[in-house]
Amino acid sequence: MRVLLGFALMWLSLSLSAQQQLFNGKDLNGWQAYGTEKWYVEEGLLISESGPDEQYGYLCTTEFYDDFVLTLEFLQEANGNSGVFFRSTVDGTKVQGWQVEVAPPNKHTGGIYESYGRGWLIKPSARREAALMADAWNTMKIKAKGDRVTTWLNGKRMVRIKDEKIGTGEGGICLQIHDGGGIRVKWKNLELKPL
């Protein structure tokens, strides 16, 4: 019994140690901003908001991630048109990769969009979009393994896709501010577990 308990504790320890905090709650260490939009830390939260140019902006991890489960929480304070990119790279403010949409109600939060490519790959059904809570913290989960991606919002599966091009993608995790101005989104508890 002691041996089994020892193995269980060792496995739990290894599982927890594999979990990475992408945002430390203090500064933007491990991230790089692209564009003139605003990214800053306030009271332990990561804040994104439109800047004076009202253009696209990205905040990307300096490390690349291949197969993973990413969980995070977001609160849309104004407009909220944003997104979470994965296996993505940025040149200036032009992003190459795939976005899990973060948007106001009924604008396909949890769907997957390919920027500067094929556009929408998959959108959640209207019934599933009801999982988004306006004016409240929402929890998003993204699982990317090989050519398969699944997204969840507040525990409800939003979409699942198998795509050869996604399977060959390489890059980091990026948060987006959409162009047009007037956007403000808060983020917290960004945790990634490599698979």
C-alpha atoms as a PDB file:
ATOM      1  CA  MET A   1       0.000   0.000   0.000  1.00  0.00           C
ATOM      2  CA  ARG A   2       2.846   2.403   0.876  1.00  0.00           C
ATOM      3  CA  VAL A   3       4.522   1.670  -2.461  1.00  0.00           C
ATOM      4  CA  LEU A   4       1.312   2.455  -4.360  1.00  0.00           C
ATOM      5  CA  LEU A   5       0.823   5.653  -2.381  1.00  0.00           C
ATOM      6  CA  GLY A   6       4.432   6.640  -3.093  1.00  0.00           C
ATOM      7  CA  PHE A   7       3.961   6.105  -6.834  1.00  0.00           C
ATOM      8  CA  ALA A   8       0.688   8.061  -6.776  1.00  0.00           C
ATOM      9  CA  LEU A   9       2.340  11.003  -5.006  1.00  0.00           C
ATOM     10  CA  MET A  10       5.295  10.910  -7.406  1.00  0.00           C
ATOM     11  CA  TRP A  11       2.958  10.894 -10.429  1.00  0.00           C
ATOM     12  CA  LEU A  12       0.939  13.791  -8.983  1.00  0.00           C
ATOM     13  CA  SER A  13       4.122  15.761  -8.342  1.00  0.00           C
ATOM     14  CA  LEU A  14       5.343  15.200 -11.923  1.00  0.00           C
ATOM     15  CA  SER A  15       1.940  16.161 -13.330  1.00  0.00           C
ATOM     16  CA  LEU A  16       1.820  19.391 -11.345  1.00  0.00           C
ATOM     17  CA  SER A  17       5.402  20.300 -12.161  1.00  0.00           C
ATOM     18  CA  ALA A  18       4.652  19.979 -15.894  1.00  0.00           C
ATOM     19  CA  GLN A  19       2.044  22.744 -15.606  1.00  0.00           C
ATOM     20  CA  GLN A  20       3.529  26.112 -16.605  1.00  0.00           C
ATOM     21  CA  GLN A  21       2.287  29.529 -15.531  1.00  0.00           C
ATOM     22  CA  LEU A  22       2.583  31.646 -18.676  1.00  0.00           C
ATOM     23  CA  PHE A  23       1.785  34.859 -16.778  1.00  0.00           C
ATOM     24  CA  ASN A  24       3.398  35.482 -13.387  1.00  0.00           C
ATOM     25  CA  GLY A  25       0.948  38.173 -12.214  1.00  0.00           C
ATOM     26  CA  LYS A  26       3.747  40.724 -11.779  1.00  0.00           C
ATOM     27  CA  ASP A  27       5.169  41.675 -15.176  1.00  0.00           C
ATOM     28  CA  LEU A  28       5.321  40.625 -18.827  1.00  0.00           C
ATOM     29  CA  ASN A  29       8.409  38.459 -18.439  1.00  0.00           C
ATOM     30  CA  GLY A  30       8.320  35.712 -21.093  1.00  0.00           C
ATOM     31  CA  TRP A  31       6.129  37.776 -23.434  1.00  0.00           C
ATOM     32  CA  GLN A  32       6.793  40.147 -26.333  1.00  0.00           C
ATOM     33  CA  ALA A  33       4.413  42.866 -27.571  1.00  0.00           C
ATOM     34  CA  TYR A  34       3.828  43.628 -31.245  1.00  0.00           C
ATOM     35  CA  GLY A  35       2.170  46.853 -32.381  1.00  0.00           C
ATOM     36  CA  THR A  36       1.219  49.978 -30.432  1.00  0.00           C
ATOM     37  CA  GLU A  37      -1.705  48.625 -28.423  1.00  0.00           C
ATOM     38  CA  LYS A  38      -1.438  48.537 -24.628  1.00  0.00           C
ATOM     39  CA  TRP A  39      -0.431  45.512 -22.524  1.00  0.00           C
ATOM     40  CA  TYR A  40       0.236  45.932 -18.806  1.00  0.00           C
ATOM     41  CA  VAL A  41      -0.191  44.353 -15.385  1.00  0.00           C
ATOM     42  CA  GLU A  42      -2.594  45.793 -12.799  1.00  0.00           C
ATOM     43  CA  GLU A  43      -3.449  44.182  -9.454  1.00  0.00           C
ATOM     44  CA  GLY A  44      -2.146  40.802 -10.633  1.00  0.00           C
ATOM     45  CA  LEU A  45      -4.144  40.861 -13.873  1.00  0.00           C
ATOM     46  CA  LEU A  46      -2.920  41.123 -17.442  1.00  0.00           C
ATOM     47  CA  ILE A  47      -4.733  44.000 -19.138  1.00  0.00           C
ATOM     48  CA  SER A  48      -5.055  44.508 -22.893  1.00  0.00           C
ATOM     49  CA  GLU A  49      -6.595  47.620 -24.356  1.00  0.00           C
ATOM     50  CA  SER A  50      -6.661  49.583 -27.567  1.00  0.00           C
ATOM     51  CA  GLY A  51      -4.000  52.234 -28.064  1.00  0.00           C
ATOM     52  CA  PRO A  52      -4.185  55.525 -29.959  1.00  0.00           C
ATOM     53  CA  ASP A  53      -3.557  53.886 -33.350  1.00  0.00           C
ATOM     54  CA  GLU A  54      -6.554  51.550 -32.900  1.00  0.00           C
ATOM     55  CA  GLN A  55      -4.806  48.804 -34.853  1.00  0.00           C
ATOM     56  CA  TYR A  56      -4.160  45.114 -34.305  1.00  0.00           C
ATOM     57  CA  GLY A  57      -1.867  44.285 -31.410  1.00  0.00           C
ATOM     58  CA  TYR A  58      -0.386  41.040 -30.108  1.00  0.00           C
ATOM     59  CA  LEU A  59       1.308  39.848 -26.956  1.00  0.00           C
ATOM     60  CA  CYS A  60       3.146  36.580 -27.619  1.00  0.00           C
ATOM     61  CA  THR A  61       5.112  34.100 -25.575  1.00  0.00           C
ATOM     62  CA  THR A  62       8.804  34.102 -26.378  1.00  0.00           C
ATOM     63  CA  GLU A  63       8.710  30.292 -26.345  1.00  0.00           C
ATOM     64  CA  PHE A  64       7.040  28.073 -28.926  1.00  0.00           C
ATOM     65  CA  TYR A  65       4.565  25.377 -27.863  1.00  0.00           C
ATOM     66  CA  ASP A  66       3.568  22.351 -29.922  1.00  0.00           C
ATOM     67  CA  ASP A  67       1.147  19.978 -28.159  1.00  0.00           C
ATOM     68  CA  PHE A  68      -0.496  21.332 -25.011  1.00  0.00           C
ATOM     69  CA  VAL A  69      -3.563  22.039 -22.927  1.00  0.00           C
ATOM     70  CA  LEU A  70      -3.944  25.763 -22.214  1.00  0.00           C
ATOM     71  CA  THR A  71      -6.414  27.142 -19.695  1.00  0.00           C
ATOM     72  CA  LEU A  72      -7.043  30.815 -18.997  1.00  0.00           C
ATOM     73  CA  GLU A  73      -9.668  33.218 -17.758  1.00  0.00           C
ATOM     74  CA  PHE A  74     -10.812  36.405 -19.471  1.00  0.00           C
ATOM     75  CA  LEU A  75     -13.158  39.281 -18.686  1.00  0.00           C
ATOM     76  CA  GLN A  76     -14.396  41.487 -21.509  1.00  0.00           C
ATOM     77  CA  GLU A  77     -14.787  45.019 -20.182  1.00  0.00           C
ATOM     78  CA  ALA A  78     -15.316  46.883 -23.454  1.00  0.00           C
ATOM     79  CA  ASN A  79     -16.138  45.418 -26.872  1.00  0.00           C
ATOM     80  CA  GLY A  80     -13.939  42.407 -26.089  1.00  0.00           C
ATOM     81  CA  ASN A  81     -13.000  41.507 -29.660  1.00  0.00           C
ATOM     82  CA  SER A  82      -9.819  39.579 -29.014  1.00  0.00           C
ATOM     83  CA  GLY A  83      -8.428  36.105 -29.360  1.00  0.00           C
ATOM     84  CA  VAL A  84      -5.928  33.478 -28.263  1.00  0.00           C
ATOM     85  CA  PHE A  85      -3.530  32.407 -31.025  1.00  0.00           C
ATOM     86  CA  PHE A  86      -1.586  29.143 -30.906  1.00  0.00           C
ATOM     87  CA  ARG A  87       1.310  27.804 -32.978  1.00  0.00           C
ATOM     88  CA  SER A  88       1.571  31.367 -34.264  1.00  0.00           C
ATOM     89  CA  THR A  89       4.252  33.901 -35.207  1.00  0.00           C
ATOM     90  CA  VAL A  90       4.048  37.673 -35.725  1.00  0.00           C
ATOM     91  CA  ASP A  91       5.937  39.922 -38.123  1.00  0.00           C
ATOM     92  CA  GLY A  92       5.180  43.578 -37.328  1.00  0.00           C
ATOM     93  CA  THR A  93       1.458  43.188 -36.693  1.00  0.00           C
ATOM     94  CA  LYS A  94       0.829  40.463 -39.265  1.00  0.00           C
ATOM     95  CA  VAL A  95       0.169  37.155 -37.566  1.00  0.00           C
ATOM     96  CA  GLN A  96       0.532  33.692 -39.073  1.00  0.00           C
ATOM     97  CA  GLY A  97      -1.364  30.980 -37.267  1.00  0.00           C
ATOM     98  CA  TRP A  98      -4.669  30.069 -35.700  1.00  0.00           C
ATOM     99  CA  GLN A  99      -6.906  31.987 -33.361  1.00  0.00           C
ATOM    100  CA  VAL A 100      -9.418  30.731 -30.851  1.00  0.00           C
ATOM    101  CA  GLU A 101     -11.901  33.588 -30.933  1.00  0.00           C
ATOM    102  CA  VAL A 102     -12.676  35.729 -27.884  1.00  0.00           C
ATOM    103  CA  ALA A 103     -15.498  38.089 -28.797  1.00  0.00           C
ATOM    104  CA  PRO A 104     -18.752  39.685 -27.624  1.00  0.00           C
ATOM    105  CA  PRO A 105     -21.871  37.474 -27.393  1.00  0.00           C
ATOM    106  CA  ASN A 106     -22.877  35.641 -30.582  1.00  0.00           C
ATOM    107  CA  LYS A 107     -19.587  36.481 -32.343  1.00  0.00           C
ATOM    108  CA  HIS A 108     -18.188  32.911 -32.275  1.00  0.00           C
ATOM    109  CA  THR A 109     -16.119  32.781 -29.067  1.00  0.00           C
ATOM    110  CA  GLY A 110     -14.387  29.406 -29.021  1.00  0.00           C
ATOM    111  CA  GLY A 111     -14.349  29.073 -32.812  1.00  0.00           C
ATOM    112  CA  ILE A 112     -11.097  28.728 -34.779  1.00  0.00           C
ATOM    113  CA  TYR A 113      -9.977  31.275 -37.372  1.00  0.00           C
ATOM    114  CA  GLU A 114      -6.904  31.171 -39.602  1.00  0.00           C
ATOM    115  CA  SER A 115      -5.482  34.675 -40.108  1.00  0.00           C
ATOM    116  CA  TYR A 116      -4.146  35.622 -43.547  1.00  0.00           C
ATOM    117  CA  GLY A 117      -5.248  32.233 -44.806  1.00  0.00           C
ATOM    118  CA  ARG A 118      -8.514  30.326 -44.985  1.00  0.00           C
ATOM    119  CA  GLY A 119     -10.490  32.466 -42.525  1.00  0.00           C
ATOM    120  CA  TRP A 120     -13.036  30.677 -40.364  1.00  0.00           C
ATOM    121  CA  LEU A 121     -12.286  26.966 -40.075  1.00  0.00           C
ATOM    122  CA  ILE A 122     -15.055  26.171 -37.599  1.00  0.00           C
ATOM    123  CA  LYS A 123     -17.591  28.144 -35.556  1.00  0.00           C
ATOM    124  CA  PRO A 124     -19.535  26.967 -32.519  1.00  0.00           C
ATOM    125  CA  SER A 125     -23.260  26.461 -32.898  1.00  0.00           C
ATOM    126  CA  ALA A 126     -25.571  29.210 -31.649  1.00  0.00           C
ATOM    127  CA  ARG A 127     -26.608  26.917 -28.808  1.00  0.00           C
ATOM    128  CA  ARG A 128     -23.015  26.487 -27.670  1.00  0.00           C
ATOM    129  CA  GLU A 129     -22.304  30.214 -27.913  1.00  0.00           C
ATOM    130  CA  ALA A 130     -24.702  30.691 -24.999  1.00  0.00           C
ATOM    131  CA  ALA A 131     -21.860  29.439 -22.749  1.00  0.00           C
ATOM    132  CA  LEU A 132     -20.240  32.911 -22.892  1.00  0.00           C
ATOM    133  CA  MET A 133     -21.027  34.977 -19.793  1.00  0.00           C
ATOM    134  CA  ALA A 134     -21.204  38.714 -20.460  1.00  0.00           C
ATOM    135  CA  ASP A 135     -19.653  41.032 -17.860  1.00  0.00           C
ATOM    136  CA  ALA A 136     -18.152  38.076 -15.963  1.00  0.00           C
ATOM    137  CA  TRP A 137     -14.981  36.003 -15.867  1.00  0.00           C
ATOM    138  CA  ASN A 138     -15.011  33.171 -18.415  1.00  0.00           C
ATOM    139  CA  THR A 139     -12.737  30.127 -18.479  1.00  0.00           C
ATOM    140  CA  MET A 140     -11.353  28.939 -21.807  1.00  0.00           C
ATOM    141  CA  LYS A 141      -9.534  25.669 -22.418  1.00  0.00           C
ATOM    142  CA  ILE A 142      -7.658  24.812 -25.614  1.00  0.00           C
ATOM    143  CA  LYS A 143      -6.211  21.393 -26.364  1.00  0.00           C
ATOM    144  CA  ALA A 144      -3.865  21.108 -29.349  1.00  0.00           C
ATOM    145  CA  LYS A 145      -2.366  17.701 -30.106  1.00  0.00           C
ATOM    146  CA  GLY A 146      -0.971  17.038 -33.553  1.00  0.00           C
ATOM    147  CA  ASP A 147      -3.593  17.998 -36.115  1.00  0.00           C
ATOM    148  CA  ARG A 148      -6.488  17.988 -33.631  1.00  0.00           C
ATOM    149  CA  VAL A 149      -7.737  20.983 -31.656  1.00  0.00           C
ATOM    150  CA  THR A 150     -10.604  21.131 -29.175  1.00  0.00           C
ATOM    151  CA  THR A 151     -11.880  24.219 -27.348  1.00  0.00           C
ATOM    152  CA  TRP A 152     -14.073  24.600 -24.286  1.00  0.00           C
ATOM    153  CA  LEU A 153     -15.747  27.628 -22.734  1.00  0.00           C
ATOM    154  CA  ASN A 154     -16.855  27.472 -19.102  1.00  0.00           C
ATOM    155  CA  GLY A 155     -16.666  23.673 -19.224  1.00  0.00           C
ATOM    156  CA  LYS A 156     -18.737  23.325 -22.405  1.00  0.00           C
ATOM    157  CA  ARG A 157     -17.074  21.975 -25.527  1.00  0.00           C
ATOM    158  CA  MET A 158     -17.285  24.588 -28.267  1.00  0.00           C
ATOM    159  CA  VAL A 159     -15.555  23.072 -31.307  1.00  0.00           C
ATOM    160  CA  ARG A 160     -13.370  20.154 -32.340  1.00  0.00           C
ATOM    161  CA  ILE A 161     -11.379  20.041 -35.572  1.00  0.00           C
ATOM    162  CA  LYS A 162      -8.824  17.859 -37.339  1.00  0.00           C
ATOM    163  CA  ASP A 163      -6.695  19.880 -39.759  1.00  0.00           C
ATOM    164  CA  GLU A 164      -3.480  18.892 -41.525  1.00  0.00           C
ATOM    165  CA  LYS A 165      -2.173  22.467 -41.794  1.00  0.00           C
ATOM    166  CA  ILE A 166      -2.622  23.086 -38.063  1.00  0.00           C
ATOM    167  CA  GLY A 167      -0.739  19.841 -37.462  1.00  0.00           C
ATOM    168  CA  THR A 168       2.385  21.224 -39.153  1.00  0.00           C
ATOM    169  CA  GLY A 169       2.197  24.678 -37.515  1.00  0.00           C
ATOM    170  CA  GLU A 170       4.888  26.040 -35.205  1.00  0.00           C
ATOM    171  CA  GLY A 171       4.869  29.070 -32.952  1.00  0.00           C
ATOM    172  CA  GLY A 172       3.886  30.569 -29.641  1.00  0.00           C
ATOM    173  CA  ILE A 173       0.770  31.548 -27.743  1.00  0.00           C
ATOM    174  CA  CYS A 174      -0.421  35.073 -28.568  1.00  0.00           C
ATOM    175  CA  LEU A 175      -3.175  37.257 -27.175  1.00  0.00           C
ATOM    176  CA  GLN A 176      -4.763  39.663 -29.647  1.00  0.00           C
ATOM    177  CA  ILE A 177      -6.386  43.069 -29.602  1.00  0.00           C
ATOM    178  CA  HIS A 178      -8.543  43.550 -32.689  1.00  0.00           C
ATOM    179  CA  ASP A 179      -8.339  46.760 -34.668  1.00  0.00           C
ATOM    180  CA  GLY A 180     -11.029  49.445 -34.466  1.00  0.00           C
ATOM    181  CA  GLY A 181     -10.353  50.769 -30.964  1.00  0.00           C
ATOM    182  CA  GLY A 182     -12.432  50.761 -27.787  1.00  0.00           C
ATOM    183  CA  ILE A 183     -11.341  47.282 -26.683  1.00  0.00           C
ATOM    184  CA  ARG A 184     -10.377  46.297 -23.135  1.00  0.00           C
ATOM    185  CA  VAL A 185      -9.982  42.716 -21.897  1.00  0.00           C
ATOM    186  CA  LYS A 186      -8.555  41.360 -18.638  1.00  0.00           C
ATOM    187  CA  TRP A 187      -6.733  38.012 -18.428  1.00  0.00           C
ATOM    188  CA  LYS A 188      -5.576  35.785 -15.561  1.00  0.00           C
ATOM    189  CA  ASN A 189      -4.536  32.227 -14.650  1.00  0.00           C
ATOM    190  CA  LEU A 190      -2.841  31.443 -17.979  1.00  0.00           C
ATOM    191  CA  GLU A 191      -1.620  27.885 -17.447  1.00  0.00           C
ATOM    192  CA  LEU A 192      -0.146  25.557 -20.034  1.00  0.00           C
ATOM    193  CA  LYS A 193       0.518  21.850 -19.719  1.00  0.00           C
ATOM    194  CA  PRO A 194       2.712  20.368 -22.487  1.00  0.00           C
ATOM    195  CA  LEU A 195       1.480  17.038 -23.872  1.00  0.00           C
END
